[in-house]
PDB file of N, CA and C in Angstrom:
ATOM      1  N   UNK A   1      15.274   4.077   1.264  1.00  0.00           N
ATOM      2  CA  UNK A   1      14.494   3.953   2.464  1.00  0.00           C
ATOM      3  C   UNK A   1      15.287   3.262   3.576  1.00  0.00           C
ATOM      4  N   UNK A   2      16.092   2.280   3.175  1.00  0.00           N
ATOM      5  CA  UNK A   2      16.862   1.572   4.197  1.00  0.00           C
ATOM      6  C   UNK A   2      17.958   2.468   4.787  1.00  0.00           C
ATOM      7  N   UNK A   3      18.491   3.393   3.992  1.00  0.00           N
ATOM      8  CA  UNK A   3      19.467   4.344   4.527  1.00  0.00           C
ATOM      9  C   UNK A   3      18.797   5.263   5.552  1.00  0.00           C
ATOM     10  N   UNK A   4      17.555   5.667   5.284  1.00  0.00           N
ATOM     11  CA  UNK A   4      16.818   6.502   6.232  1.00  0.00           C
ATOM     12  C   UNK A   4      16.513   5.720   7.506  1.00  0.00           C
ATOM     13  N   UNK A   5      16.158   4.455   7.347  1.00  0.00           N
ATOM     14  CA  UNK A   5      15.895   3.602   8.494  1.00  0.00           C
ATOM     15  C   UNK A   5      17.155   3.481   9.353  1.00  0.00           C
ATOM     16  N   UNK A   6      18.308   3.320   8.717  1.00  0.00           N
ATOM     17  CA  UNK A   6      19.574   3.242   9.453  1.00  0.00           C
ATOM     18  C   UNK A   6      19.885   4.555  10.172  1.00  0.00           C
ATOM     19  N   UNK A   7      19.611   5.685   9.510  1.00  0.00           N
ATOM     20  CA  UNK A   7      19.865   6.988  10.127  1.00  0.00           C
ATOM     21  C   UNK A   7      18.999   7.171  11.367  1.00  0.00           C
ATOM     22  N   UNK A   8      17.736   6.772  11.281  1.00  0.00           N
ATOM     23  CA  UNK A   8      16.856   6.891  12.443  1.00  0.00           C
ATOM     24  C   UNK A   8      17.263   5.933  13.559  1.00  0.00           C
ATOM     25  N   UNK A   9      17.830   4.796  13.197  1.00  0.00           N
ATOM     26  CA  UNK A   9      18.287   3.843  14.209  1.00  0.00           C
ATOM     27  C   UNK A   9      19.408   4.436  15.054  1.00  0.00           C
ATOM     28  N   UNK A  10      20.189   5.351  14.471  1.00  0.00           N
ATOM     29  CA  UNK A  10      21.280   5.979  15.231  1.00  0.00           C
ATOM     30  C   UNK A  10      20.758   6.842  16.376  1.00  0.00           C
ATOM     31  N   UNK A  11      19.515   7.311  16.249  1.00  0.00           N
ATOM     32  CA  UNK A  11      18.918   8.076  17.358  1.00  0.00           C
ATOM     33  C   UNK A  11      17.843   7.250  18.059  1.00  0.00           C
ATOM     34  N   UNK A  12      17.912   5.940  17.873  1.00  0.00           N
ATOM     35  CA  UNK A  12      17.055   4.960  18.546  1.00  0.00           C
ATOM     36  C   UNK A  12      15.571   5.153  18.252  1.00  0.00           C
ATOM     37  N   UNK A  13      15.253   5.387  16.978  1.00  0.00           N
ATOM     38  CA  UNK A  13      13.870   5.491  16.530  1.00  0.00           C
ATOM     39  C   UNK A  13      13.542   4.216  15.763  1.00  0.00           C
ATOM     40  N   UNK A  14      12.525   3.489  16.235  1.00  0.00           N
ATOM     41  CA  UNK A  14      12.123   2.262  15.568  1.00  0.00           C
ATOM     42  C   UNK A  14      11.223   2.586  14.382  1.00  0.00           C
ATOM     43  N   UNK A  15      11.559   2.031  13.230  1.00  0.00           N
ATOM     44  CA  UNK A  15      10.751   2.250  12.040  1.00  0.00           C
ATOM     45  C   UNK A  15      10.820   1.025  11.146  1.00  0.00           C
ATOM     46  N   UNK A  16       9.923   0.959  10.202  1.00  0.00           N
ATOM     47  CA  UNK A  16       9.838  -0.161   9.265  1.00  0.00           C
ATOM     48  C   UNK A  16       9.703   0.379   7.856  1.00  0.00           C
ATOM     49  N   UNK A  17      10.307  -0.329   6.907  1.00  0.00           N
ATOM     50  CA  UNK A  17      10.126  -0.026   5.499  1.00  0.00           C
ATOM     51  C   UNK A  17       9.125  -1.040   4.966  1.00  0.00           C
ATOM     52  N   UNK A  18       8.076  -0.566   4.334  1.00  0.00           N
ATOM     53  CA  UNK A  18       7.045  -1.436   3.765  1.00  0.00           C
ATOM     54  C   UNK A  18       6.587  -0.844   2.440  1.00  0.00           C
ATOM     55  N   UNK A  19       5.985  -1.686   1.634  1.00  0.00           N
ATOM     56  CA  UNK A  19       5.465  -1.232   0.356  1.00  0.00           C
ATOM     57  C   UNK A  19       3.989  -0.892   0.511  1.00  0.00           C
ATOM     58  N   UNK A  20       3.608   0.261  -0.018  1.00  0.00           N
ATOM     59  CA  UNK A  20       2.214   0.698   0.030  1.00  0.00           C
ATOM     60  C   UNK A  20       1.819   1.113  -1.382  1.00  0.00           C
ATOM     61  N   UNK A  21       0.919   0.378  -1.985  1.00  0.00           N
ATOM     62  CA  UNK A  21       0.468   0.639  -3.353  1.00  0.00           C
ATOM     63  C   UNK A  21       1.636   0.700  -4.332  1.00  0.00           C
ATOM     64  N   UNK A  22       2.597  -0.204  -4.148  1.00  0.00           N
ATOM     65  CA  UNK A  22       3.733  -0.306  -5.056  1.00  0.00           C
ATOM     66  C   UNK A  22       4.867   0.662  -4.782  1.00  0.00           C
ATOM     67  N   UNK A  23       4.749   1.475  -3.750  1.00  0.00           N
ATOM     68  CA  UNK A  23       5.774   2.467  -3.420  1.00  0.00           C
ATOM     69  C   UNK A  23       6.356   2.162  -2.043  1.00  0.00           C
ATOM     70  N   UNK A  24       7.693   2.148  -1.923  1.00  0.00           N
ATOM     71  CA  UNK A  24       8.274   1.918  -0.595  1.00  0.00           C
ATOM     72  C   UNK A  24       7.995   3.112   0.316  1.00  0.00           C
ATOM     73  N   UNK A  25       7.607   2.805   1.548  1.00  0.00           N
ATOM     74  CA  UNK A  25       7.279   3.835   2.532  1.00  0.00           C
ATOM     75  C   UNK A  25       8.022   3.553   3.828  1.00  0.00           C
ATOM     76  N   UNK A  26       8.324   4.604   4.547  1.00  0.00           N
ATOM     77  CA  UNK A  26       8.980   4.491   5.842  1.00  0.00           C
ATOM     78  C   UNK A  26       7.952   4.824   6.916  1.00  0.00           C
ATOM     79  N   UNK A  27       7.700   3.862   7.796  1.00  0.00           N
ATOM     80  CA  UNK A  27       6.739   4.056   8.873  1.00  0.00           C
ATOM     81  C   UNK A  27       7.480   4.143  10.192  1.00  0.00           C
ATOM     82  N   UNK A  28       7.263   5.230  10.925  1.00  0.00           N
ATOM     83  CA  UNK A  28       7.860   5.396  12.250  1.00  0.00           C
ATOM     84  C   UNK A  28       6.888   4.793  13.252  1.00  0.00           C
ATOM     85  N   UNK A  29       7.401   3.856  14.067  1.00  0.00           N
ATOM     86  CA  UNK A  29       6.551   3.073  14.956  1.00  0.00           C
ATOM     87  C   UNK A  29       5.975   3.932  16.080  1.00  0.00           C
ATOM     88  N   UNK A  30       6.801   4.625  16.808  1.00  0.00           N
ATOM     89  CA  UNK A  30       6.334   5.468  17.909  1.00  0.00           C
ATOM     90  C   UNK A  30       6.493   6.929  17.538  1.00  0.00           C
ATOM     91  N   UNK A  31       5.532   7.737  17.873  1.00  0.00           N
ATOM     92  CA  UNK A  31       5.528   9.154  17.549  1.00  0.00           C
ATOM     93  C   UNK A  31       6.008   9.956  18.756  1.00  0.00           C
ATOM     94  N   UNK A  32       7.093   9.480  19.393  1.00  0.00           N
ATOM     95  CA  UNK A  32       7.506  10.061  20.671  1.00  0.00           C
ATOM     96  C   UNK A  32       8.191  11.422  20.547  1.00  0.00           C
ATOM     97  N   UNK A  33       9.081  11.592  19.602  1.00  0.00           N
ATOM     98  CA  UNK A  33       9.816  12.858  19.484  1.00  0.00           C
ATOM     99  C   UNK A  33       9.879  13.277  18.020  1.00  0.00           C
ATOM    100  N   UNK A  34       8.800  13.875  17.550  1.00  0.00           N
ATOM    101  CA  UNK A  34       8.686  14.242  16.145  1.00  0.00           C
ATOM    102  C   UNK A  34       9.780  15.204  15.704  1.00  0.00           C
ATOM    103  N   UNK A  35      10.174  16.145  16.538  1.00  0.00           N
ATOM    104  CA  UNK A  35      11.187  17.120  16.131  1.00  0.00           C
ATOM    105  C   UNK A  35      12.540  16.444  15.914  1.00  0.00           C
ATOM    106  N   UNK A  36      12.905  15.489  16.754  1.00  0.00           N
ATOM    107  CA  UNK A  36      14.173  14.761  16.566  1.00  0.00           C
ATOM    108  C   UNK A  36      14.121  13.914  15.301  1.00  0.00           C
ATOM    109  N   UNK A  37      12.981  13.261  15.069  1.00  0.00           N
ATOM    110  CA  UNK A  37      12.817  12.456  13.853  1.00  0.00           C
ATOM    111  C   UNK A  37      12.952  13.327  12.613  1.00  0.00           C
ATOM    112  N   UNK A  38      12.234  14.457  12.599  1.00  0.00           N
ATOM    113  CA  UNK A  38      12.275  15.355  11.442  1.00  0.00           C
ATOM    114  C   UNK A  38      13.668  15.913  11.211  1.00  0.00           C
ATOM    115  N   UNK A  39      14.347  16.288  12.270  1.00  0.00           N
ATOM    116  CA  UNK A  39      15.698  16.828  12.151  1.00  0.00           C
ATOM    117  C   UNK A  39      16.632  15.792  11.543  1.00  0.00           C
ATOM    118  N   UNK A  40      16.558  14.567  12.026  1.00  0.00           N
ATOM    119  CA  UNK A  40      17.400  13.497  11.508  1.00  0.00           C
ATOM    120  C   UNK A  40      17.131  13.256  10.025  1.00  0.00           C
ATOM    121  N   UNK A  41      15.854  13.194   9.659  1.00  0.00           N
ATOM    122  CA  UNK A  41      15.503  12.961   8.259  1.00  0.00           C
ATOM    123  C   UNK A  41      15.911  14.131   7.371  1.00  0.00           C
ATOM    124  N   UNK A  42      15.704  15.361   7.846  1.00  0.00           N
ATOM    125  CA  UNK A  42      16.107  16.534   7.063  1.00  0.00           C
ATOM    126  C   UNK A  42      17.620  16.563   6.859  1.00  0.00           C
ATOM    127  N   UNK A  43      18.386  16.118   7.855  1.00  0.00           N
ATOM    128  CA  UNK A  43      19.841  16.047   7.710  1.00  0.00           C
ATOM    129  C   UNK A  43      20.255  15.030   6.663  1.00  0.00           C
ATOM    130  N   UNK A  44      19.369  14.102   6.337  1.00  0.00           N
ATOM    131  CA  UNK A  44      19.617  13.113   5.290  1.00  0.00           C
ATOM    132  C   UNK A  44      19.132  13.597   3.923  1.00  0.00           C
ATOM    133  N   UNK A  45      18.581  14.820   3.873  1.00  0.00           N
ATOM    134  CA  UNK A  45      18.136  15.402   2.608  1.00  0.00           C
ATOM    135  C   UNK A  45      16.676  15.156   2.276  1.00  0.00           C
ATOM    136  N   UNK A  46      15.901  14.703   3.251  1.00  0.00           N
ATOM    137  CA  UNK A  46      14.479  14.431   3.025  1.00  0.00           C
ATOM    138  C   UNK A  46      13.684  15.730   3.144  1.00  0.00           C
ATOM    139  N   UNK A  47      12.820  15.970   2.186  1.00  0.00           N
ATOM    140  CA  UNK A  47      11.905  17.120   2.272  1.00  0.00           C
ATOM    141  C   UNK A  47      10.678  16.672   3.040  1.00  0.00           C
ATOM    142  N   UNK A  48      10.296  17.431   4.044  1.00  0.00           N
ATOM    143  CA  UNK A  48       9.156  17.079   4.890  1.00  0.00           C
ATOM    144  C   UNK A  48       8.134  18.206   4.816  1.00  0.00           C
ATOM    145  N   UNK A  49       6.918  17.855   4.404  1.00  0.00           N
ATOM    146  CA  UNK A  49       5.835  18.835   4.363  1.00  0.00           C
ATOM    147  C   UNK A  49       5.262  18.961   5.759  1.00  0.00           C
ATOM    148  N   UNK A  50       5.125  20.177   6.220  1.00  0.00           N
ATOM    149  CA  UNK A  50       4.580  20.406   7.552  1.00  0.00           C
ATOM    150  C   UNK A  50       3.294  21.199   7.430  1.00  0.00           C
ATOM    151  N   UNK A  51       2.460  21.104   8.455  1.00  0.00           N
ATOM    152  CA  UNK A  51       1.180  21.801   8.472  1.00  0.00           C
ATOM    153  C   UNK A  51       1.394  23.305   8.367  1.00  0.00           C
ATOM    154  N   UNK A  52       0.609  23.941   7.522  1.00  0.00           N
ATOM    155  CA  UNK A  52       0.693  25.379   7.343  1.00  0.00           C
ATOM    156  C   UNK A  52      -0.678  25.969   7.590  1.00  0.00           C
ATOM    157  N   UNK A  53      -0.753  26.924   8.483  1.00  0.00           N
ATOM    158  CA  UNK A  53      -2.004  27.607   8.756  1.00  0.00           C
ATOM    159  C   UNK A  53      -1.917  28.994   8.123  1.00  0.00           C
ATOM    160  N   UNK A  54      -2.702  29.232   7.102  1.00  0.00           N
ATOM    161  CA  UNK A  54      -2.629  30.488   6.349  1.00  0.00           C
ATOM    162  C   UNK A  54      -3.326  31.664   7.001  1.00  0.00           C
ATOM    163  N   UNK A  55      -3.793  31.541   8.220  1.00  0.00           N
ATOM    164  CA  UNK A  55      -4.501  32.641   8.891  1.00  0.00           C
ATOM    165  C   UNK A  55      -3.561  33.525   9.641  1.00  0.00           C
TER     166      UNK A  55
END
């Protein structure tokens, strides 16, 4: 999680690592540029589930 936090810091995204129900979680503070955040995380090998509309 801290490596992901460092990667997001390179694109100036503020985030925090916290524990939620015993599991470390990464919380992005501002939701300003979701596509840049997702791209950065995907480049780090993170799988991101996105909304799917089956219609």
